[in-house]
Amino acid sequence: MPIASNRKLAGALALSLGLALGACGGMPTHRGLESLNQPVVERTNYAFDVSAGAGGLSVPEQQRLAAWFESMDLRYGDRVSIDDPMMSGATRNAISKLAARHGILVSEGAPMTAGYVEPGNARVVITRTSASVPNCPNWSEKSDANYNNATRANYGCAINSNFAAMIANPEDLITGQKGSGETVVSTGSKAIASYRKQAPTGEGGLKETASDE
């Protein structure tokens, strides 16, 4: 009888030890304070070939390109570039005017695209970036225990996902906005001047109100 009892006790201890080790295996292990899941910026290039002569783009070609810009919903954050073997100033000027309708300036240089530009054509490339946070939400940890005092895998998922969804230009997550290096005094003091010119709220005196007796 004592031998059988000892065997049952040993089996129960082994089972509890196995459960404890299994729980420890799902604990967080990242000891840093930064979140594991960071925004990822992806770029996609869209190409559109137009016929370009010595005088630039004809009216029908400009209409085709304008319709393509509309269908692509050209917007802030997109980058428009031109791959023109002739490097025609007239072609660039015509494309720049069409892109300017959407508030976009044509960038210098064009990314590599599939195929090659046929003679007499120019290629307009829209580079569009998007930001997302893969693997969020992250519930990969199976244990509530945290003996390592580590940062959990889901930490920062909500903030980073909202940040990636709301940012107007995902490129800013990589390089940020580049300033001119010059301080514009008129812009910096605009808010201060507006505050100083604002009339005090009590300048007109107290308003007379009639009260019921």
N, C-alpha and C. Protein backbone atom coordinates (compact mmCIF):
# COMPACT_ATOMS: atom_id res chain seq x y z
N MET A 1 0.82 -1.22 0.00
CA MET A 1 0.00 0.00 0.00
C MET A 1 0.85 1.27 0.00
N PRO A 2 1.86 1.37 0.87
CA PRO A 2 2.69 2.57 0.82
C PRO A 2 3.35 2.77 -0.53
N ILE A 3 3.74 1.68 -1.19
CA ILE A 3 4.40 1.81 -2.50
C ILE A 3 3.43 2.39 -3.52
N ALA A 4 2.19 1.92 -3.51
CA ALA A 4 1.19 2.43 -4.45
C ALA A 4 0.91 3.90 -4.19
N SER A 5 0.86 4.30 -2.94
CA SER A 5 0.60 5.71 -2.62
C SER A 5 1.73 6.59 -3.11
N ASN A 6 2.96 6.12 -2.92
CA ASN A 6 4.11 6.89 -3.39
C ASN A 6 4.07 7.05 -4.91
N ARG A 7 3.65 6.01 -5.62
CA ARG A 7 3.56 6.11 -7.09
C ARG A 7 2.52 7.13 -7.51
N LYS A 8 1.37 7.15 -6.82
CA LYS A 8 0.34 8.13 -7.15
C LYS A 8 0.83 9.54 -6.88
N LEU A 9 1.54 9.73 -5.76
CA LEU A 9 2.07 11.04 -5.43
C LEU A 9 3.09 11.50 -6.45
N ALA A 10 3.96 10.58 -6.89
CA ALA A 10 4.98 10.93 -7.88
C ALA A 10 4.33 11.30 -9.21
N GLY A 11 3.25 10.56 -9.58
CA GLY A 11 2.55 10.88 -10.82
C GLY A 11 1.90 12.24 -10.77
N ALA A 12 1.30 12.57 -9.62
CA ALA A 12 0.66 13.88 -9.48
C ALA A 12 1.68 15.00 -9.54
N LEU A 13 2.86 14.82 -8.91
CA LEU A 13 3.92 15.82 -8.95
C LEU A 13 4.44 16.02 -10.38
N ALA A 14 4.60 14.90 -11.10
CA ALA A 14 5.08 15.01 -12.48
C ALA A 14 4.08 15.75 -13.36
N LEU A 15 2.78 15.49 -13.13
CA LEU A 15 1.75 16.16 -13.92
C LEU A 15 1.72 17.65 -13.63
N SER A 16 1.80 18.01 -12.33
CA SER A 16 1.78 19.43 -11.97
C SER A 16 3.03 20.14 -12.47
N LEU A 17 4.19 19.44 -12.43
CA LEU A 17 5.42 20.03 -12.94
C LEU A 17 5.33 20.26 -14.44
N GLY A 18 4.72 19.31 -15.15
CA GLY A 18 4.58 19.46 -16.60
C GLY A 18 3.68 20.63 -16.95
N LEU A 19 2.58 20.78 -16.19
CA LEU A 19 1.69 21.91 -16.43
C LEU A 19 2.37 23.23 -16.15
N ALA A 20 3.18 23.27 -15.09
CA ALA A 20 3.89 24.51 -14.74
C ALA A 20 4.90 24.88 -15.82
N LEU A 21 5.64 23.87 -16.31
CA LEU A 21 6.61 24.15 -17.37
C LEU A 21 5.93 24.58 -18.65
N GLY A 22 4.75 23.99 -18.95
CA GLY A 22 4.02 24.39 -20.14
C GLY A 22 3.55 25.82 -20.05
N ALA A 23 3.13 26.23 -18.84
CA ALA A 23 2.70 27.61 -18.66
C ALA A 23 3.88 28.57 -18.80
N CYS A 24 5.04 28.18 -18.26
CA CYS A 24 6.22 29.04 -18.37
C CYS A 24 6.66 29.20 -19.82
N GLY A 25 6.39 28.21 -20.67
CA GLY A 25 6.80 28.29 -22.06
C GLY A 25 6.06 29.35 -22.84
N GLY A 26 4.89 29.79 -22.35
CA GLY A 26 4.14 30.81 -23.05
C GLY A 26 4.31 32.20 -22.49
N MET A 27 5.27 32.38 -21.58
CA MET A 27 5.49 33.69 -20.98
C MET A 27 6.25 34.61 -21.94
N PRO A 28 6.10 35.94 -21.79
CA PRO A 28 6.88 36.87 -22.63
C PRO A 28 8.35 36.80 -22.28
N THR A 29 9.19 37.02 -23.27
CA THR A 29 10.63 36.93 -23.08
C THR A 29 11.36 38.20 -23.52
N HIS A 30 10.65 39.14 -24.14
CA HIS A 30 11.30 40.36 -24.64
C HIS A 30 11.53 41.31 -23.47
N ARG A 31 12.80 41.60 -23.16
CA ARG A 31 13.13 42.43 -22.00
C ARG A 31 13.24 43.91 -22.34
N GLY A 32 13.13 44.29 -23.59
CA GLY A 32 13.22 45.71 -23.95
C GLY A 32 11.90 46.43 -23.74
N LEU A 33 11.94 47.76 -23.80
CA LEU A 33 10.73 48.57 -23.62
C LEU A 33 10.05 48.91 -24.94
N GLU A 34 10.75 48.73 -26.04
CA GLU A 34 10.13 49.02 -27.34
C GLU A 34 9.19 47.88 -27.72
N SER A 35 8.15 48.24 -28.48
CA SER A 35 7.18 47.22 -28.89
C SER A 35 7.77 46.33 -29.98
N LEU A 36 7.37 45.07 -29.95
CA LEU A 36 7.88 44.11 -30.93
C LEU A 36 7.33 44.37 -32.32
N ASN A 37 6.11 44.85 -32.42
CA ASN A 37 5.44 45.04 -33.71
C ASN A 37 5.51 46.51 -34.11
N GLN A 38 6.32 46.79 -35.11
CA GLN A 38 6.54 48.15 -35.57
C GLN A 38 5.88 48.36 -36.94
N PRO A 39 5.53 49.63 -37.28
CA PRO A 39 4.95 49.89 -38.61
C PRO A 39 5.92 49.51 -39.73
N VAL A 40 5.38 48.92 -40.77
CA VAL A 40 6.15 48.53 -41.95
C VAL A 40 5.63 49.33 -43.14
N VAL A 41 6.53 49.98 -43.85
CA VAL A 41 6.18 50.81 -45.01
C VAL A 41 6.47 50.03 -46.28
N GLU A 42 5.48 49.94 -47.16
CA GLU A 42 5.62 49.22 -48.43
C GLU A 42 5.39 50.19 -49.58
N ARG A 43 6.17 50.01 -50.63
CA ARG A 43 6.04 50.86 -51.82
C ARG A 43 5.55 50.03 -53.00
N THR A 44 4.65 50.64 -53.78
CA THR A 44 4.14 50.01 -54.99
C THR A 44 4.23 51.01 -56.12
N ASN A 45 4.79 50.57 -57.26
CA ASN A 45 4.93 51.42 -58.44
C ASN A 45 3.86 51.09 -59.47
N TYR A 46 3.20 52.11 -59.98
CA TYR A 46 2.21 51.98 -61.05
C TYR A 46 2.71 52.77 -62.25
N ALA A 47 2.79 52.12 -63.40
CA ALA A 47 3.35 52.74 -64.60
C ALA A 47 2.28 52.94 -65.66
N PHE A 48 2.42 54.04 -66.41
CA PHE A 48 1.48 54.37 -67.48
C PHE A 48 2.27 55.01 -68.61
N ASP A 49 2.24 54.39 -69.80
CA ASP A 49 3.00 54.90 -70.95
C ASP A 49 2.12 55.81 -71.80
N VAL A 50 2.70 56.93 -72.21
CA VAL A 50 2.00 57.89 -73.07
C VAL A 50 2.86 58.18 -74.29
N SER A 51 2.22 58.51 -75.39
CA SER A 51 2.95 58.89 -76.60
C SER A 51 3.43 60.33 -76.45
N ALA A 52 4.72 60.52 -76.65
CA ALA A 52 5.33 61.83 -76.46
C ALA A 52 6.14 62.18 -77.70
N GLY A 53 5.78 63.29 -78.33
CA GLY A 53 6.52 63.76 -79.50
C GLY A 53 7.45 64.89 -79.13
N ALA A 54 7.94 65.56 -80.15
CA ALA A 54 8.86 66.67 -79.93
C ALA A 54 8.18 67.83 -79.20
N GLY A 55 6.88 67.98 -79.43
CA GLY A 55 6.15 69.07 -78.79
C GLY A 55 5.50 68.67 -77.49
N GLY A 56 5.84 67.53 -76.94
CA GLY A 56 5.26 67.10 -75.67
C GLY A 56 4.10 66.15 -75.89
N LEU A 57 3.06 66.27 -75.11
CA LEU A 57 1.90 65.40 -75.18
C LEU A 57 0.79 66.06 -75.97
N SER A 58 0.16 65.28 -76.83
CA SER A 58 -1.00 65.80 -77.56
C SER A 58 -2.19 65.90 -76.60
N VAL A 59 -3.23 66.57 -77.07
CA VAL A 59 -4.42 66.74 -76.22
C VAL A 59 -5.05 65.40 -75.86
N PRO A 60 -5.23 64.46 -76.83
CA PRO A 60 -5.78 63.15 -76.43
C PRO A 60 -4.93 62.42 -75.40
N GLU A 61 -3.59 62.52 -75.52
CA GLU A 61 -2.71 61.85 -74.55
C GLU A 61 -2.82 62.52 -73.18
N GLN A 62 -2.98 63.83 -73.18
CA GLN A 62 -3.16 64.51 -71.90
C GLN A 62 -4.48 64.09 -71.25
N GLN A 63 -5.51 63.90 -72.06
CA GLN A 63 -6.79 63.45 -71.52
C GLN A 63 -6.68 62.03 -70.97
N ARG A 64 -5.94 61.15 -71.67
CA ARG A 64 -5.73 59.79 -71.17
C ARG A 64 -5.00 59.81 -69.83
N LEU A 65 -3.96 60.62 -69.76
CA LEU A 65 -3.18 60.68 -68.52
C LEU A 65 -4.00 61.29 -67.39
N ALA A 66 -4.78 62.31 -67.69
CA ALA A 66 -5.63 62.92 -66.65
C ALA A 66 -6.66 61.92 -66.13
N ALA A 67 -7.21 61.12 -67.05
CA ALA A 67 -8.18 60.09 -66.62
C ALA A 67 -7.50 59.03 -65.76
N TRP A 68 -6.25 58.69 -66.08
CA TRP A 68 -5.53 57.71 -65.27
C TRP A 68 -5.25 58.26 -63.87
N PHE A 69 -4.85 59.52 -63.80
CA PHE A 69 -4.65 60.14 -62.49
C PHE A 69 -5.94 60.10 -61.66
N GLU A 70 -7.06 60.36 -62.32
CA GLU A 70 -8.34 60.34 -61.61
C GLU A 70 -8.67 58.93 -61.12
N SER A 71 -8.47 57.95 -61.99
CA SER A 71 -8.79 56.57 -61.60
C SER A 71 -7.88 56.06 -60.49
N MET A 72 -6.64 56.57 -60.45
CA MET A 72 -5.70 56.16 -59.41
C MET A 72 -5.89 56.96 -58.13
N ASP A 73 -6.80 57.93 -58.15
CA ASP A 73 -7.05 58.77 -56.99
C ASP A 73 -5.74 59.37 -56.49
N LEU A 74 -5.03 60.05 -57.40
CA LEU A 74 -3.75 60.66 -57.06
C LEU A 74 -3.94 61.63 -55.90
N ARG A 75 -3.11 61.48 -54.86
CA ARG A 75 -3.32 62.25 -53.63
C ARG A 75 -2.00 62.50 -52.92
N TYR A 76 -2.11 63.26 -51.84
CA TYR A 76 -0.94 63.59 -51.04
C TYR A 76 -0.26 62.31 -50.55
N GLY A 77 1.05 62.29 -50.63
CA GLY A 77 1.82 61.11 -50.26
C GLY A 77 2.28 60.31 -51.45
N ASP A 78 1.60 60.47 -52.61
CA ASP A 78 2.05 59.79 -53.83
C ASP A 78 3.24 60.53 -54.44
N ARG A 79 4.07 59.78 -55.12
CA ARG A 79 5.22 60.36 -55.80
C ARG A 79 5.09 60.10 -57.29
N VAL A 80 5.15 61.16 -58.09
CA VAL A 80 5.03 61.06 -59.55
C VAL A 80 6.39 61.34 -60.16
N SER A 81 6.84 60.44 -61.03
CA SER A 81 8.12 60.62 -61.72
C SER A 81 7.96 60.23 -63.19
N ILE A 82 8.93 60.62 -63.99
CA ILE A 82 8.85 60.43 -65.45
C ILE A 82 10.09 59.71 -65.93
N ASP A 83 9.86 58.67 -66.72
CA ASP A 83 10.95 57.97 -67.39
C ASP A 83 10.83 58.28 -68.88
N ASP A 84 11.58 59.28 -69.33
CA ASP A 84 11.49 59.75 -70.71
C ASP A 84 12.87 59.64 -71.36
N PRO A 85 13.05 58.71 -72.31
CA PRO A 85 14.36 58.59 -72.95
C PRO A 85 14.79 59.87 -73.66
N MET A 86 13.82 60.65 -74.18
CA MET A 86 14.16 61.89 -74.88
C MET A 86 14.42 63.05 -73.92
N MET A 87 14.01 62.89 -72.66
CA MET A 87 14.19 63.94 -71.65
C MET A 87 13.65 65.27 -72.16
N SER A 88 12.44 65.22 -72.71
CA SER A 88 11.82 66.40 -73.30
C SER A 88 11.26 67.31 -72.21
N GLY A 89 11.61 68.57 -72.29
CA GLY A 89 11.09 69.56 -71.35
C GLY A 89 9.61 69.80 -71.55
N ALA A 90 9.16 69.73 -72.82
CA ALA A 90 7.74 69.94 -73.10
C ALA A 90 6.90 68.81 -72.51
N THR A 91 7.40 67.58 -72.60
CA THR A 91 6.67 66.44 -72.02
C THR A 91 6.60 66.56 -70.51
N ARG A 92 7.71 66.91 -69.91
CA ARG A 92 7.72 67.06 -68.46
C ARG A 92 6.80 68.19 -68.02
N ASN A 93 6.77 69.27 -68.77
CA ASN A 93 5.91 70.40 -68.41
C ASN A 93 4.44 70.01 -68.49
N ALA A 94 4.06 69.25 -69.52
CA ALA A 94 2.66 68.84 -69.67
C ALA A 94 2.24 67.91 -68.55
N ILE A 95 3.11 66.95 -68.19
CA ILE A 95 2.79 66.01 -67.11
C ILE A 95 2.75 66.73 -65.77
N SER A 96 3.65 67.70 -65.59
CA SER A 96 3.68 68.45 -64.33
C SER A 96 2.39 69.24 -64.11
N LYS A 97 1.85 69.80 -65.18
CA LYS A 97 0.61 70.57 -65.05
C LYS A 97 -0.56 69.66 -64.67
N LEU A 98 -0.60 68.45 -65.23
CA LEU A 98 -1.67 67.53 -64.89
C LEU A 98 -1.54 67.03 -63.45
N ALA A 99 -0.31 66.78 -63.01
CA ALA A 99 -0.12 66.34 -61.63
C ALA A 99 -0.40 67.46 -60.64
N ALA A 100 -0.14 68.71 -61.06
CA ALA A 100 -0.37 69.85 -60.17
C ALA A 100 -1.84 70.03 -59.83
N ARG A 101 -2.72 69.55 -60.70
CA ARG A 101 -4.15 69.63 -60.40
C ARG A 101 -4.51 68.85 -59.14
N HIS A 102 -3.69 67.88 -58.81
CA HIS A 102 -3.92 67.07 -57.61
C HIS A 102 -2.99 67.47 -56.47
N GLY A 103 -2.29 68.58 -56.65
CA GLY A 103 -1.38 69.04 -55.62
C GLY A 103 -0.09 68.26 -55.53
N ILE A 104 0.33 67.64 -56.63
CA ILE A 104 1.54 66.81 -56.63
C ILE A 104 2.59 67.44 -57.53
N LEU A 105 3.82 67.49 -57.03
CA LEU A 105 4.96 67.94 -57.82
C LEU A 105 5.69 66.73 -58.39
N VAL A 106 6.15 66.85 -59.62
CA VAL A 106 6.89 65.75 -60.26
C VAL A 106 8.27 65.67 -59.66
N SER A 107 8.68 64.47 -59.27
CA SER A 107 9.96 64.24 -58.63
C SER A 107 11.04 63.96 -59.67
N GLU A 108 12.27 64.19 -59.25
CA GLU A 108 13.41 63.90 -60.11
C GLU A 108 13.74 62.41 -60.04
N GLY A 109 14.06 61.84 -61.20
CA GLY A 109 14.42 60.42 -61.24
C GLY A 109 13.19 59.54 -61.19
N ALA A 110 13.30 58.37 -61.76
CA ALA A 110 12.18 57.42 -61.80
C ALA A 110 12.66 56.06 -61.33
N PRO A 111 11.84 55.31 -60.61
CA PRO A 111 12.25 53.97 -60.16
C PRO A 111 12.27 52.98 -61.31
N MET A 112 12.93 51.86 -61.10
CA MET A 112 12.97 50.80 -62.09
C MET A 112 11.61 50.14 -62.20
N THR A 113 11.15 49.94 -63.44
CA THR A 113 9.87 49.28 -63.69
C THR A 113 10.07 48.14 -64.69
N ALA A 114 9.10 47.27 -64.77
CA ALA A 114 9.20 46.12 -65.66
C ALA A 114 9.16 46.56 -67.12
N GLY A 115 9.89 45.88 -67.97
CA GLY A 115 9.91 46.22 -69.40
C GLY A 115 10.75 47.46 -69.68
N TYR A 116 10.59 47.98 -70.89
CA TYR A 116 11.34 49.18 -71.27
C TYR A 116 10.39 50.12 -72.00
N VAL A 117 10.79 51.36 -72.07
CA VAL A 117 9.96 52.39 -72.70
C VAL A 117 10.17 52.34 -74.21
N GLU A 118 9.08 52.18 -74.94
CA GLU A 118 9.16 52.14 -76.40
C GLU A 118 9.58 53.50 -76.96
N PRO A 119 10.28 53.51 -78.09
CA PRO A 119 10.65 54.79 -78.71
C PRO A 119 9.42 55.63 -79.01
N GLY A 120 9.52 56.91 -78.72
CA GLY A 120 8.40 57.82 -78.92
C GLY A 120 7.41 57.85 -77.78
N ASN A 121 7.71 57.12 -76.71
CA ASN A 121 6.84 57.10 -75.53
C ASN A 121 7.57 57.63 -74.31
N ALA A 122 6.80 57.98 -73.33
CA ALA A 122 7.32 58.35 -72.02
C ALA A 122 6.50 57.60 -70.97
N ARG A 123 7.16 57.21 -69.91
CA ARG A 123 6.48 56.45 -68.86
C ARG A 123 6.30 57.31 -67.62
N VAL A 124 5.04 57.38 -67.18
CA VAL A 124 4.70 58.10 -65.95
C VAL A 124 4.54 57.06 -64.84
N VAL A 125 5.24 57.26 -63.74
CA VAL A 125 5.25 56.30 -62.64
C VAL A 125 4.69 56.96 -61.38
N ILE A 126 3.71 56.31 -60.79
CA ILE A 126 3.19 56.72 -59.49
C ILE A 126 3.72 55.74 -58.45
N THR A 127 4.46 56.27 -57.48
CA THR A 127 4.96 55.46 -56.37
C THR A 127 4.08 55.73 -55.16
N ARG A 128 3.39 54.70 -54.72
CA ARG A 128 2.45 54.84 -53.60
C ARG A 128 2.95 54.01 -52.42
N THR A 129 2.95 54.60 -51.27
CA THR A 129 3.40 53.92 -50.06
C THR A 129 2.22 53.67 -49.13
N SER A 130 2.32 52.60 -48.38
CA SER A 130 1.31 52.26 -47.39
C SER A 130 2.01 51.77 -46.14
N ALA A 131 1.40 52.02 -45.01
CA ALA A 131 1.98 51.61 -43.72
C ALA A 131 1.00 50.68 -43.00
N SER A 132 1.53 49.65 -42.41
CA SER A 132 0.72 48.71 -41.64
C SER A 132 1.61 48.08 -40.56
N VAL A 133 0.97 47.43 -39.62
CA VAL A 133 1.70 46.74 -38.55
C VAL A 133 1.34 45.27 -38.61
N PRO A 134 2.18 44.44 -39.20
CA PRO A 134 1.88 43.00 -39.30
C PRO A 134 1.82 42.34 -37.92
N ASN A 135 1.07 41.26 -37.86
CA ASN A 135 0.96 40.42 -36.65
C ASN A 135 0.28 41.12 -35.48
N CYS A 136 -0.47 42.17 -35.77
CA CYS A 136 -1.22 42.84 -34.70
C CYS A 136 -2.71 42.62 -34.89
N PRO A 137 -3.45 42.32 -33.83
CA PRO A 137 -2.97 42.11 -32.46
C PRO A 137 -2.19 40.81 -32.32
N ASN A 138 -1.30 40.80 -31.36
CA ASN A 138 -0.39 39.67 -31.17
C ASN A 138 -0.70 39.01 -29.83
N TRP A 139 -1.41 37.86 -29.89
CA TRP A 139 -1.74 37.11 -28.68
C TRP A 139 -0.98 35.77 -28.67
N SER A 140 0.28 35.81 -29.08
CA SER A 140 1.06 34.58 -29.18
C SER A 140 1.44 34.02 -27.82
N GLU A 141 1.45 34.85 -26.78
CA GLU A 141 1.81 34.35 -25.45
C GLU A 141 0.59 33.70 -24.80
N LYS A 142 0.77 32.50 -24.30
CA LYS A 142 -0.34 31.71 -23.76
C LYS A 142 -0.43 31.75 -22.24
N SER A 143 0.49 32.42 -21.59
CA SER A 143 0.51 32.42 -20.13
C SER A 143 0.34 33.84 -19.60
N ASP A 144 -0.38 33.95 -18.46
CA ASP A 144 -0.50 35.24 -17.79
C ASP A 144 0.70 35.52 -16.89
N ALA A 145 1.47 34.50 -16.61
CA ALA A 145 2.65 34.69 -15.75
C ALA A 145 3.71 35.48 -16.50
N ASN A 146 4.47 36.26 -15.76
CA ASN A 146 5.53 37.08 -16.36
C ASN A 146 6.70 37.16 -15.39
N TYR A 147 7.35 36.01 -15.18
CA TYR A 147 8.46 35.95 -14.23
C TYR A 147 9.69 36.70 -14.74
N ASN A 148 9.75 36.96 -16.03
CA ASN A 148 10.90 37.67 -16.61
C ASN A 148 10.75 39.19 -16.58
N ASN A 149 9.58 39.67 -16.11
CA ASN A 149 9.29 41.10 -16.13
C ASN A 149 9.53 41.66 -17.54
N ALA A 150 9.04 40.94 -18.53
CA ALA A 150 9.28 41.29 -19.93
C ALA A 150 8.09 42.03 -20.52
N THR A 151 8.33 42.65 -21.68
CA THR A 151 7.27 43.35 -22.41
C THR A 151 6.47 42.35 -23.22
N ARG A 152 5.16 42.42 -23.11
CA ARG A 152 4.32 41.46 -23.81
C ARG A 152 4.30 41.73 -25.32
N ALA A 153 3.99 40.67 -26.07
CA ALA A 153 4.05 40.75 -27.54
C ALA A 153 3.02 41.73 -28.10
N ASN A 154 1.90 41.89 -27.41
CA ASN A 154 0.85 42.77 -27.93
C ASN A 154 1.06 44.22 -27.53
N TYR A 155 2.10 44.50 -26.75
CA TYR A 155 2.35 45.86 -26.30
C TYR A 155 2.64 46.78 -27.49
N GLY A 156 1.95 47.90 -27.58
CA GLY A 156 2.16 48.87 -28.64
C GLY A 156 1.38 48.62 -29.91
N CYS A 157 0.65 47.51 -29.99
CA CYS A 157 -0.08 47.19 -31.23
C CYS A 157 -1.14 48.25 -31.53
N ALA A 158 -1.90 48.66 -30.53
CA ALA A 158 -2.98 49.62 -30.76
C ALA A 158 -2.43 50.96 -31.21
N ILE A 159 -1.41 51.47 -30.51
CA ILE A 159 -0.85 52.78 -30.85
C ILE A 159 -0.20 52.75 -32.22
N ASN A 160 0.63 51.75 -32.47
CA ASN A 160 1.33 51.69 -33.75
C ASN A 160 0.38 51.48 -34.92
N SER A 161 -0.67 50.68 -34.75
CA SER A 161 -1.63 50.45 -35.82
C SER A 161 -2.41 51.72 -36.14
N ASN A 162 -2.83 52.45 -35.11
CA ASN A 162 -3.53 53.72 -35.33
C ASN A 162 -2.61 54.74 -35.97
N PHE A 163 -1.36 54.77 -35.53
CA PHE A 163 -0.39 55.71 -36.09
C PHE A 163 -0.17 55.43 -37.57
N ALA A 164 -0.02 54.15 -37.94
CA ALA A 164 0.19 53.79 -39.34
C ALA A 164 -1.05 54.10 -40.18
N ALA A 165 -2.24 53.98 -39.59
CA ALA A 165 -3.47 54.22 -40.35
C ALA A 165 -3.73 55.71 -40.54
N MET A 166 -3.31 56.55 -39.60
CA MET A 166 -3.64 57.97 -39.65
C MET A 166 -2.60 58.85 -40.34
N ILE A 167 -1.37 58.38 -40.45
CA ILE A 167 -0.33 59.23 -41.01
C ILE A 167 -0.63 59.55 -42.48
N ALA A 168 -0.54 60.82 -42.83
CA ALA A 168 -0.90 61.25 -44.19
C ALA A 168 0.09 60.73 -45.22
N ASN A 169 1.37 60.81 -44.91
CA ASN A 169 2.40 60.36 -45.84
C ASN A 169 3.25 59.29 -45.16
N PRO A 170 3.05 58.01 -45.49
CA PRO A 170 3.82 56.95 -44.83
C PRO A 170 5.33 57.10 -45.00
N GLU A 171 5.78 57.84 -46.02
CA GLU A 171 7.21 58.05 -46.20
C GLU A 171 7.82 58.76 -45.00
N ASP A 172 7.00 59.54 -44.28
CA ASP A 172 7.51 60.26 -43.12
C ASP A 172 7.95 59.32 -42.01
N LEU A 173 7.46 58.08 -42.02
CA LEU A 173 7.90 57.11 -41.01
C LEU A 173 9.34 56.68 -41.24
N ILE A 174 9.84 56.91 -42.47
CA ILE A 174 11.20 56.48 -42.81
C ILE A 174 12.19 57.63 -42.67
N THR A 175 11.88 58.75 -43.32
CA THR A 175 12.83 59.86 -43.35
C THR A 175 12.33 61.09 -42.62
N GLY A 176 11.03 61.23 -42.42
CA GLY A 176 10.49 62.43 -41.81
C GLY A 176 10.48 63.60 -42.78
N GLN A 177 9.86 64.69 -42.35
CA GLN A 177 9.80 65.88 -43.18
C GLN A 177 11.13 66.64 -43.09
N LYS A 178 11.65 67.02 -44.22
CA LYS A 178 12.91 67.75 -44.26
C LYS A 178 12.62 69.25 -44.34
N GLY A 179 13.16 69.98 -43.38
CA GLY A 179 12.97 71.42 -43.36
C GLY A 179 13.99 72.12 -44.24
N SER A 180 13.77 73.41 -44.45
CA SER A 180 14.68 74.21 -45.27
C SER A 180 15.91 74.65 -44.50
N GLY A 181 15.87 74.51 -43.17
CA GLY A 181 16.99 74.96 -42.36
C GLY A 181 16.90 76.41 -41.98
N GLU A 182 15.89 77.12 -42.45
CA GLU A 182 15.71 78.52 -42.16
C GLU A 182 14.48 78.72 -41.29
N THR A 183 14.57 79.64 -40.36
CA THR A 183 13.44 79.96 -39.49
C THR A 183 12.66 81.11 -40.09
N VAL A 184 11.38 80.87 -40.34
CA VAL A 184 10.52 81.91 -40.90
C VAL A 184 9.86 82.64 -39.74
N VAL A 185 10.28 83.88 -39.51
CA VAL A 185 9.80 84.62 -38.35
C VAL A 185 8.31 84.92 -38.47
N SER A 186 7.86 85.26 -39.68
CA SER A 186 6.45 85.63 -39.86
C SER A 186 5.53 84.46 -39.54
N THR A 187 5.96 83.25 -39.87
CA THR A 187 5.15 82.07 -39.56
C THR A 187 5.20 81.72 -38.09
N GLY A 188 6.38 81.82 -37.50
CA GLY A 188 6.52 81.47 -36.10
C GLY A 188 5.79 82.41 -35.17
N SER A 189 5.68 83.69 -35.55
CA SER A 189 5.04 84.67 -34.67
C SER A 189 3.57 84.91 -35.02
N LYS A 190 3.03 84.12 -35.97
CA LYS A 190 1.64 84.36 -36.38
C LYS A 190 0.68 84.07 -35.24
N ALA A 191 0.88 82.96 -34.53
CA ALA A 191 -0.02 82.63 -33.43
C ALA A 191 0.09 83.64 -32.30
N ILE A 192 1.31 84.13 -32.04
CA ILE A 192 1.50 85.11 -30.96
C ILE A 192 0.81 86.42 -31.32
N ALA A 193 0.94 86.86 -32.59
CA ALA A 193 0.30 88.10 -33.02
C ALA A 193 -1.22 88.00 -32.94
N SER A 194 -1.76 86.83 -33.32
CA SER A 194 -3.20 86.64 -33.24
C SER A 194 -3.69 86.69 -31.79
N TYR A 195 -2.90 86.14 -30.88
CA TYR A 195 -3.28 86.16 -29.47
C TYR A 195 -3.26 87.58 -28.91
N ARG A 196 -2.27 88.37 -29.32
CA ARG A 196 -2.15 89.72 -28.80
C ARG A 196 -3.23 90.65 -29.34
N LYS A 197 -3.67 90.41 -30.57
CA LYS A 197 -4.67 91.27 -31.18
C LYS A 197 -6.09 90.93 -30.75
N GLN A 198 -6.26 89.79 -30.11
CA GLN A 198 -7.60 89.38 -29.69
C GLN A 198 -8.10 90.31 -28.59
N ALA A 199 -9.31 90.83 -28.78
CA ALA A 199 -9.88 91.74 -27.78
C ALA A 199 -10.26 90.95 -26.52
N PRO A 200 -10.05 91.52 -25.33
CA PRO A 200 -10.45 90.84 -24.09
C PRO A 200 -11.94 90.57 -24.07
N THR A 201 -12.31 89.47 -23.46
CA THR A 201 -13.73 89.09 -23.44
C THR A 201 -14.58 90.06 -22.64
N GLY A 202 -14.00 90.74 -21.65
CA GLY A 202 -14.79 91.66 -20.83
C GLY A 202 -14.70 93.10 -21.27
N GLU A 203 -14.16 93.35 -22.43
CA GLU A 203 -13.98 94.73 -22.89
C GLU A 203 -15.30 95.45 -23.13
N GLY A 204 -16.31 94.73 -23.55
CA GLY A 204 -17.60 95.35 -23.85
C GLY A 204 -18.48 95.54 -22.64
N GLY A 205 -18.00 95.19 -21.47
CA GLY A 205 -18.83 95.32 -20.27
C GLY A 205 -19.75 94.14 -20.09
N LEU A 206 -20.51 94.19 -19.01
CA LEU A 206 -21.45 93.12 -18.72
C LEU A 206 -22.75 93.33 -19.45
N LYS A 207 -23.34 92.27 -19.91
CA LYS A 207 -24.61 92.35 -20.60
C LYS A 207 -25.74 92.50 -19.59
N GLU A 208 -26.73 93.34 -19.97
CA GLU A 208 -27.88 93.52 -19.10
C GLU A 208 -28.89 92.42 -19.37
N THR A 209 -29.34 91.80 -18.32
CA THR A 209 -30.34 90.73 -18.44
C THR A 209 -31.51 91.04 -17.56
N ALA A 210 -32.67 90.70 -18.04
CA ALA A 210 -33.89 90.91 -17.27
C ALA A 210 -34.21 89.67 -16.47
N SER A 211 -34.52 89.87 -15.21
CA SER A 211 -34.86 88.75 -14.33
C SER A 211 -36.28 88.86 -13.87
N ASP A 212 -36.95 87.77 -13.75
CA ASP A 212 -38.34 87.76 -13.28
C ASP A 212 -38.37 87.92 -11.78
N GLU A 213 -39.21 88.87 -11.30
CA GLU A 213 -39.35 89.11 -9.86
C GLU A 213 -40.41 88.18 -9.29
